[in-house]
């Protein structure tokens, strides 16, 4: 007979005790359970005490207290699981199921975590995400549940309207209508819609997974995207300094010396951390080198930045041209950064300094409809691609 394990020994005790077991099989069972033919010895099989066995001594099995506690626990867990299943616990809410299916379709990398997505708080996380993405069904479900409306399905009757001021019935709210619960900052705007408020919430582009969104947000908070946006801010400061230096040249003496205006000196100090030079040639040469460096570091370098190295005897027009070149390069780079940021729901306006933000918003404002009356006089701005004279 082949070697038998412990679980086989338990089965053998049943064979020995069964009066219908053939004698040869009973003898073989006695041989096996007595462990190498040691018949008559008490055996301990998986927490069960089995008395010595012999052909005339049928086995009696006594379960030890420890083994009995394990049996009791397993039986209790089994009954509890049966009770939960009978009550519908752990079952997917049929109303949320199609929403979660669309959630997983948009984020296929999460399919491996299906159990966590469909149990506990997982369904609510998926529901909230899809509502924020504009899923109408998710918005309806979330609005009803946040307003504590009885019933989980659209067919559920609305709760009685509470009394309004003076005892008058309050208006009945149609909880079946698509309702989005906007987060702080207002309702989310589409990723490709014009944005003029740095506090606006931008919805990520369709099809961008949560993993990719997280990567984009990290990039624009502490990665290359954040660094390049900072250098775009610096480029725009350089463009304004070039325009201002062109105006300072008008009051310079024959040697190019001048007394910087407060505005020029303050902006120079904020940009470079030191007082502005008092010579046009020195200021222009230094500004040209720094502008080239900022352009390359921002990722906007195309070769055009070499034109920013203006000659020592540069005219005011040449300085304005340098300013325009910087603005053009910065504009193209910032639009590229903005497109990348919006895919992950990042509002790049939050990363721009106030003047650059104002210029970028003005440059990307929607064109007025043909024949439409102008909204009003535009405020003067040092915008993209044109020189602005600073008094």
Protein backbone atom coordinates (compact mmCIF):
# COMPACT_ATOMS: atom_id res chain seq x y z
CA UNK A 1 0.00 0.00 0.00
CA UNK A 2 1.34 3.41 -0.82
CA UNK A 3 2.55 5.80 1.91
CA UNK A 4 -0.37 7.65 3.42
CA UNK A 5 -0.55 11.19 4.75
CA UNK A 6 -2.38 12.51 7.80
CA UNK A 7 -5.55 13.27 5.89
CA UNK A 8 -5.56 9.64 4.66
CA UNK A 9 -5.34 8.44 8.25
CA UNK A 10 -8.58 10.19 9.13
CA UNK A 11 -10.27 8.40 6.25
CA UNK A 12 -8.75 5.11 7.41
CA UNK A 13 -10.42 5.39 10.81
CA UNK A 14 -13.73 5.52 8.99
CA UNK A 15 -12.84 2.41 7.00
CA UNK A 16 -11.89 0.51 10.16
CA UNK A 17 -15.14 1.46 11.92
CA UNK A 18 -17.35 0.66 8.92
CA UNK A 19 -18.75 -2.89 9.29
CA UNK A 20 -19.03 -3.14 5.51
CA UNK A 21 -15.30 -2.72 4.98
CA UNK A 22 -13.75 -5.98 3.65
CA UNK A 23 -11.34 -7.65 6.09
CA UNK A 24 -8.26 -7.31 3.83
CA UNK A 25 -8.92 -3.58 3.47
CA UNK A 26 -9.51 -3.22 7.22
CA UNK A 27 -6.23 -5.00 7.97
CA UNK A 28 -4.41 -2.72 5.52
CA UNK A 29 -6.01 0.29 7.18
CA UNK A 30 -4.89 -0.94 10.60
CA UNK A 31 -1.37 -1.37 9.26
CA UNK A 32 -1.29 2.17 7.82
CA UNK A 33 -2.86 4.07 10.70
CA UNK A 34 -0.75 2.35 13.32
CA UNK A 35 2.30 3.80 11.54
CA UNK A 36 4.56 1.00 10.35
CA UNK A 37 2.44 -1.75 11.85
CA UNK A 38 2.59 -0.45 15.44
CA UNK A 39 -0.93 -1.65 16.19
CA UNK A 40 -2.35 -0.81 19.60
CA UNK A 41 -0.69 2.63 19.97
CA UNK A 42 -2.77 5.76 20.51
CA UNK A 43 -2.55 8.13 17.52
CA UNK A 44 -2.90 11.96 17.36
CA UNK A 45 -4.30 12.81 13.94
CA UNK A 46 -4.87 16.56 13.23
CA UNK A 47 -5.89 17.34 16.79
CA UNK A 48 -7.97 14.14 17.15
CA UNK A 49 -7.10 11.44 19.69
CA UNK A 50 -7.53 7.96 18.16
CA UNK A 51 -7.31 5.02 20.55
CA UNK A 52 -5.14 2.00 19.86
CA UNK A 53 -6.49 -0.04 16.96
CA UNK A 54 -6.86 -3.73 16.54
CA UNK A 55 -9.25 -6.00 14.66
CA UNK A 56 -11.31 -6.42 17.78
CA UNK A 57 -11.01 -2.85 19.01
CA UNK A 58 -12.92 -0.47 16.68
CA UNK A 59 -11.64 3.11 16.75
CA UNK A 60 -13.23 5.90 18.77
CA UNK A 61 -12.23 9.45 17.94
CA UNK A 62 -12.13 12.28 20.50
CA UNK A 63 -11.53 15.86 19.24
CA UNK A 64 -9.10 17.89 21.32
CA UNK A 65 -10.26 21.33 22.70
CA UNK A 66 -7.89 23.19 20.37
CA UNK A 67 -9.11 21.35 17.28
CA UNK A 68 -12.72 21.86 18.33
CA UNK A 69 -12.19 25.63 18.63
CA UNK A 70 -10.85 25.72 15.07
CA UNK A 71 -13.86 23.75 13.85
CA UNK A 72 -16.23 26.11 15.68
CA UNK A 73 -14.54 29.18 14.21
CA UNK A 74 -14.65 27.81 10.66
CA UNK A 75 -18.32 26.90 11.03
CA UNK A 76 -19.14 30.38 12.40
CA UNK A 77 -17.32 32.12 9.54
CA UNK A 78 -19.12 29.95 7.04
CA UNK A 79 -22.54 30.74 8.53
CA UNK A 80 -21.70 34.48 8.61
CA UNK A 81 -20.64 34.43 4.94
CA UNK A 82 -23.85 32.64 4.02
CA UNK A 83 -25.89 35.24 5.92
CA UNK A 84 -24.11 38.14 4.19
CA UNK A 85 -24.59 36.61 0.76
CA UNK A 86 -28.27 35.97 1.48
CA UNK A 87 -28.69 39.63 2.49
CA UNK A 88 -26.96 40.92 -0.68
CA UNK A 89 -23.80 42.12 1.09
CA UNK A 90 -20.80 42.32 -1.19
CA UNK A 91 -22.96 42.31 -4.29
CA UNK A 92 -22.39 45.05 -6.84
CA UNK A 93 -25.04 47.74 -6.90
CA UNK A 94 -26.64 47.17 -10.32
CA UNK A 95 -27.06 50.92 -10.81
CA UNK A 96 -23.35 51.67 -10.26
CA UNK A 97 -22.08 48.64 -12.18
CA UNK A 98 -22.24 50.24 -15.69
CA UNK A 99 -20.59 53.40 -14.37
CA UNK A 100 -17.73 51.36 -12.91
CA UNK A 101 -17.42 49.51 -16.20
CA UNK A 102 -16.85 52.84 -17.98
CA UNK A 103 -14.45 53.89 -15.20
CA UNK A 104 -12.31 50.78 -15.77
CA UNK A 105 -12.51 51.28 -19.54
CA UNK A 106 -11.01 54.77 -19.08
CA UNK A 107 -8.39 53.43 -16.63
CA UNK A 108 -7.48 49.94 -17.87
CA UNK A 109 -4.41 49.77 -15.64
CA UNK A 110 -6.75 49.50 -12.63
CA UNK A 111 -8.47 46.35 -13.87
CA UNK A 112 -6.09 44.27 -11.75
CA UNK A 113 -7.59 45.87 -8.63
CA UNK A 114 -11.13 44.85 -9.52
CA UNK A 115 -11.91 43.53 -6.05
CA UNK A 116 -11.04 46.82 -4.34
CA UNK A 117 -12.93 48.78 -7.00
CA UNK A 118 -16.13 46.81 -6.48
CA UNK A 119 -16.17 46.47 -2.68
CA UNK A 120 -16.11 48.83 0.27
CA UNK A 121 -15.65 52.45 -0.77
CA UNK A 122 -14.27 51.53 -4.22
CA UNK A 123 -17.56 52.03 -6.11
CA UNK A 124 -18.00 55.53 -4.65
CA UNK A 125 -14.48 56.51 -5.74
CA UNK A 126 -15.22 55.40 -9.28
CA UNK A 127 -18.61 57.11 -9.17
CA UNK A 128 -17.10 60.44 -8.06
CA UNK A 129 -14.37 60.25 -10.72
CA UNK A 130 -16.86 59.58 -13.52
CA UNK A 131 -19.17 62.37 -12.30
CA UNK A 132 -16.23 64.78 -12.46
CA UNK A 133 -15.50 63.54 -16.00
CA UNK A 134 -19.01 64.51 -17.07
CA UNK A 135 -20.67 61.08 -16.97
CA UNK A 136 -24.38 61.96 -16.73
CA UNK A 137 -25.46 58.73 -15.03
CA UNK A 138 -22.73 59.09 -12.41
CA UNK A 139 -23.77 62.70 -11.77
CA UNK A 140 -27.39 61.66 -11.28
CA UNK A 141 -26.54 58.89 -8.83
CA UNK A 142 -24.10 61.03 -6.88
CA UNK A 143 -26.49 63.99 -6.68
CA UNK A 144 -29.32 61.82 -5.31
CA UNK A 145 -27.13 60.15 -2.72
CA UNK A 146 -25.47 63.36 -1.57
CA UNK A 147 -28.91 64.89 -1.13
CA UNK A 148 -30.02 61.82 0.88
CA UNK A 149 -32.91 61.06 -1.44
CA UNK A 150 -34.50 57.70 -0.53
CA UNK A 151 -33.99 54.90 -3.02
CA UNK A 152 -31.01 53.99 -5.09
CA UNK A 153 -32.62 54.08 -8.52
CA UNK A 154 -34.16 56.78 -10.70
CA UNK A 155 -37.61 55.24 -10.18
CA UNK A 156 -37.47 55.91 -6.44
CA UNK A 157 -39.97 58.49 -5.23
CA UNK A 158 -38.48 61.83 -4.14
CA UNK A 159 -38.52 62.78 -0.49
CA UNK A 160 -41.29 65.14 0.65
CA UNK A 161 -40.30 68.76 0.17
CA UNK A 162 -39.62 70.53 3.50
CA UNK A 163 -41.61 73.59 4.38
CA UNK A 164 -40.18 76.86 3.15
CA UNK A 165 -40.30 80.31 4.71
CA UNK A 166 -43.66 81.10 6.32
CA UNK A 167 -44.78 77.48 6.12
CA UNK A 168 -45.02 77.53 2.32
CA UNK A 169 -43.95 74.33 0.56
CA UNK A 170 -40.38 74.48 -0.67
CA UNK A 171 -39.75 73.95 -4.39
CA UNK A 172 -39.51 70.34 -5.45
CA UNK A 173 -36.05 69.48 -6.79
CA UNK A 174 -35.86 67.15 -9.76
CA UNK A 175 -33.24 64.72 -8.53
CA UNK A 176 -33.43 62.78 -11.75
CA UNK A 177 -31.94 65.63 -13.75
CA UNK A 178 -28.20 65.63 -14.49
CA UNK A 179 -26.55 67.44 -11.62
CA UNK A 180 -22.84 67.97 -11.14
CA UNK A 181 -21.58 68.74 -7.67
CA UNK A 182 -18.82 71.26 -8.41
CA UNK A 183 -15.69 71.21 -6.26
CA UNK A 184 -14.11 74.34 -4.83
CA UNK A 185 -13.13 76.61 -7.72
CA UNK A 186 -16.35 76.21 -9.65
CA UNK A 187 -17.56 73.64 -12.11
CA UNK A 188 -14.80 71.87 -14.08
CA UNK A 189 -14.12 73.20 -17.56
CA UNK A 190 -13.22 71.11 -20.58
CA UNK A 191 -9.52 70.48 -21.10
CA UNK A 192 -9.59 72.36 -24.42
CA UNK A 193 -11.77 75.31 -23.34
CA UNK A 194 -10.33 78.83 -22.87
CA UNK A 195 -9.42 79.46 -19.25
CA UNK A 196 -8.96 82.91 -17.75
CA UNK A 197 -9.09 82.10 -14.03
CA UNK A 198 -6.12 80.44 -12.28
CA UNK A 199 -8.61 78.92 -9.82
CA UNK A 200 -10.58 77.12 -12.53
CA UNK A 201 -10.71 73.33 -12.31
CA UNK A 202 -9.74 71.70 -15.61
CA UNK A 203 -11.10 68.26 -16.47
CA UNK A 204 -8.37 65.95 -17.80
CA UNK A 205 -8.55 64.99 -21.45
CA UNK A 206 -10.74 61.99 -22.29
CA UNK A 207 -8.91 58.68 -22.18
CA UNK A 208 -6.08 59.88 -19.93
CA UNK A 209 -5.66 57.28 -17.20
CA UNK A 210 -5.30 58.12 -13.52
CA UNK A 211 -1.68 56.98 -13.70
CA UNK A 212 -0.88 59.37 -16.54
CA UNK A 213 -2.77 62.20 -14.81
CA UNK A 214 -0.70 61.65 -11.66
CA UNK A 215 2.51 61.74 -13.73
CA UNK A 216 1.53 65.02 -15.39
CA UNK A 217 0.61 66.62 -12.06
CA UNK A 218 3.93 65.55 -10.58
CA UNK A 219 5.80 66.91 -13.61
CA UNK A 220 4.19 70.34 -13.22
CA UNK A 221 4.60 70.46 -9.47
CA UNK A 222 8.22 69.39 -9.10
CA UNK A 223 9.49 68.09 -12.44
CA UNK A 224 10.64 69.32 -15.81
CA UNK A 225 7.28 70.92 -16.63
CA UNK A 226 7.48 73.11 -13.53
CA UNK A 227 11.07 74.11 -14.33
CA UNK A 228 10.30 74.99 -17.96
CA UNK A 229 7.27 77.06 -16.94
CA UNK A 230 9.43 78.99 -14.48
CA UNK A 231 11.90 79.81 -17.26
CA UNK A 232 9.03 81.01 -19.47
CA UNK A 233 8.17 83.46 -16.67
CA UNK A 234 11.81 84.57 -16.72
CA UNK A 235 11.77 84.97 -20.51
CA UNK A 236 8.75 87.26 -20.29
CA UNK A 237 10.49 89.35 -17.63
CA UNK A 238 13.46 89.64 -20.00
CA UNK A 239 11.18 90.82 -22.82
CA UNK A 240 9.75 93.56 -20.62
CA UNK A 241 13.25 94.60 -19.57
CA UNK A 242 14.34 94.89 -23.22
CA UNK A 243 11.36 97.15 -23.96
CA UNK A 244 12.07 99.26 -20.89
CA UNK A 245 15.79 99.46 -21.72
CA UNK A 246 14.87 100.81 -25.17
CA UNK A 247 12.99 103.64 -23.47
CA UNK A 248 15.81 104.26 -21.00
CA UNK A 249 18.13 104.75 -23.97
CA UNK A 250 16.27 107.95 -24.87
CA UNK A 251 17.56 109.67 -21.74
CA UNK A 252 21.09 108.21 -21.82
CA UNK A 253 24.05 110.49 -22.44
CA UNK A 254 26.54 110.16 -25.27
CA UNK A 255 28.46 107.46 -23.40
CA UNK A 256 25.28 105.44 -22.83
CA UNK A 257 25.02 106.16 -19.13
CA UNK A 258 21.56 106.66 -17.63
CA UNK A 259 19.68 106.73 -14.35
CA UNK A 260 17.35 103.72 -14.24
CA UNK A 261 13.69 104.43 -13.53
CA UNK A 262 12.14 102.87 -10.45
CA UNK A 263 10.09 100.49 -12.59
CA UNK A 264 13.13 99.31 -14.54
CA UNK A 265 15.29 98.97 -11.44
CA UNK A 266 12.60 97.07 -9.51
CA UNK A 267 11.96 94.58 -12.31
CA UNK A 268 15.68 94.08 -12.86
CA UNK A 269 16.16 93.46 -9.14
CA UNK A 270 13.30 90.93 -9.00
CA UNK A 271 14.66 89.11 -12.06
CA UNK A 272 18.39 89.05 -11.30
CA UNK A 273 18.57 89.81 -7.59
CA UNK A 274 20.67 92.96 -7.94
CA UNK A 275 20.41 96.59 -8.96
CA UNK A 276 20.14 97.48 -12.63
CA UNK A 277 23.28 98.62 -14.52
CA UNK A 278 23.50 102.30 -15.35
CA UNK A 279 24.99 101.83 -18.82
CA UNK A 280 22.93 100.83 -21.85
CA UNK A 281 25.63 98.65 -23.46
CA UNK A 282 26.36 96.76 -20.23
CA UNK A 283 22.68 96.23 -19.47
CA UNK A 284 21.90 95.10 -23.02
CA UNK A 285 24.81 92.67 -23.20
CA UNK A 286 23.99 91.10 -19.83
CA UNK A 287 20.29 90.92 -20.62
CA UNK A 288 20.98 89.27 -23.98
CA UNK A 289 23.09 86.51 -22.40
CA UNK A 290 20.52 85.83 -19.69
CA UNK A 291 17.69 85.80 -22.22
CA UNK A 292 19.48 83.15 -24.31
CA UNK A 293 20.06 81.05 -21.20
CA UNK A 294 16.43 81.27 -20.05
CA UNK A 295 15.17 80.44 -23.56
CA UNK A 296 17.30 77.31 -23.82
CA UNK A 297 16.39 76.16 -20.29
CA UNK A 298 12.70 76.62 -21.00
CA UNK A 299 12.93 74.25 -23.93
CA UNK A 300 11.97 77.03 -26.38
CA UNK A 301 15.35 77.30 -28.08
CA UNK A 302 15.17 77.09 -31.87
CA UNK A 303 18.30 79.01 -32.87
CA UNK A 304 16.44 82.31 -33.02
CA UNK A 305 17.61 83.06 -29.50
CA UNK A 306 21.06 83.86 -30.90
CA UNK A 307 19.54 87.11 -32.16
CA UNK A 308 19.09 88.18 -28.54
CA UNK A 309 22.82 88.91 -28.28
CA UNK A 310 22.36 92.53 -29.35
CA UNK A 311 25.40 94.70 -30.23
CA UNK A 312 26.71 97.24 -27.74
CA UNK A 313 25.48 100.11 -29.89
CA UNK A 314 22.03 98.54 -30.39
CA UNK A 315 19.24 100.94 -31.27
CA UNK A 316 15.88 101.11 -29.51
CA UNK A 317 14.31 99.27 -32.44
CA UNK A 318 16.79 96.43 -32.08
CA UNK A 319 15.93 96.14 -28.40
CA UNK A 320 12.21 96.03 -29.15
CA UNK A 321 12.92 93.38 -31.79
CA UNK A 322 14.75 91.32 -29.17
CA UNK A 323 11.76 91.67 -26.85
CA UNK A 324 9.42 90.49 -29.59
CA UNK A 325 11.66 87.52 -30.37
CA UNK A 326 11.57 86.46 -26.72
CA UNK A 327 7.79 86.81 -26.58
CA UNK A 328 7.35 84.76 -29.73
CA UNK A 329 9.55 81.94 -28.43
CA UNK A 330 7.90 82.05 -25.01
CA UNK A 331 4.44 82.00 -26.57
CA UNK A 332 5.07 78.82 -28.57
CA UNK A 333 6.68 77.06 -25.62
CA UNK A 334 3.97 78.06 -23.15
CA UNK A 335 1.21 76.83 -25.45
CA UNK A 336 3.01 73.50 -25.71
CA UNK A 337 3.38 73.30 -21.94
CA UNK A 338 -0.27 74.29 -21.47
CA UNK A 339 -1.49 71.54 -23.79
CA UNK A 340 0.56 68.98 -21.91
CA UNK A 341 -0.64 70.24 -18.53
CA UNK A 342 -4.32 70.23 -19.50
CA UNK A 343 -4.19 66.54 -20.39
CA UNK A 344 -3.69 65.86 -16.69
CA UNK A 345 -6.09 68.54 -15.45
CA UNK A 346 -3.36 71.05 -14.50
CA UNK A 347 -4.21 74.75 -14.76
CA UNK A 348 -0.93 76.27 -15.90
CA UNK A 349 -2.14 79.79 -15.09
CA UNK A 350 -1.38 78.96 -11.46
CA UNK A 351 2.32 78.69 -12.36
CA UNK A 352 2.62 82.01 -14.19
CA UNK A 353 3.57 85.32 -12.66
CA UNK A 354 0.77 87.95 -12.71
CA UNK A 355 1.94 89.88 -15.79
CA UNK A 356 2.76 86.78 -17.85
CA UNK A 357 -0.62 85.32 -16.87
CA UNK A 358 -2.39 88.49 -17.97
CA UNK A 359 -0.57 88.49 -21.31
CA UNK A 360 -1.22 84.82 -21.95
CA UNK A 361 -4.94 85.12 -21.16
CA UNK A 362 -5.26 88.11 -23.50
CA UNK A 363 -3.40 86.27 -26.27
CA UNK A 364 -5.70 83.24 -25.99
CA UNK A 365 -9.02 85.06 -25.59
CA UNK A 366 -11.70 83.82 -28.03
CA UNK A 367 -12.08 85.90 -31.16
CA UNK A 368 -15.28 88.02 -31.11
CA UNK A 369 -18.09 86.97 -33.42
CA UNK A 370 -18.22 88.92 -36.70
CA UNK A 371 -20.29 92.05 -36.20
CA UNK A 372 -20.33 91.72 -32.42
CA UNK A 373 -19.86 94.89 -30.40
CA UNK A 374 -16.52 95.08 -28.58
CA UNK A 375 -16.66 94.21 -24.90
CA UNK A 376 -15.03 97.49 -23.98
CA UNK A 377 -11.68 99.24 -24.12
CA UNK A 378 -8.87 96.77 -23.65
CA UNK A 379 -6.39 97.43 -20.89
CA UNK A 380 -2.85 98.10 -22.14
CA UNK A 381 -0.78 94.93 -21.84
CA UNK A 382 2.68 93.80 -22.82
CA UNK A 383 1.29 90.92 -24.83
CA UNK A 384 2.84 88.30 -27.05
CA UNK A 385 4.70 89.25 -30.17
CA UNK A 386 4.51 93.06 -30.02
CA UNK A 387 6.43 95.79 -28.31
CA UNK A 388 4.82 97.93 -25.68
CA UNK A 389 6.29 101.27 -24.77
CA UNK A 390 6.66 101.66 -21.00
CA UNK A 391 6.65 105.22 -19.79
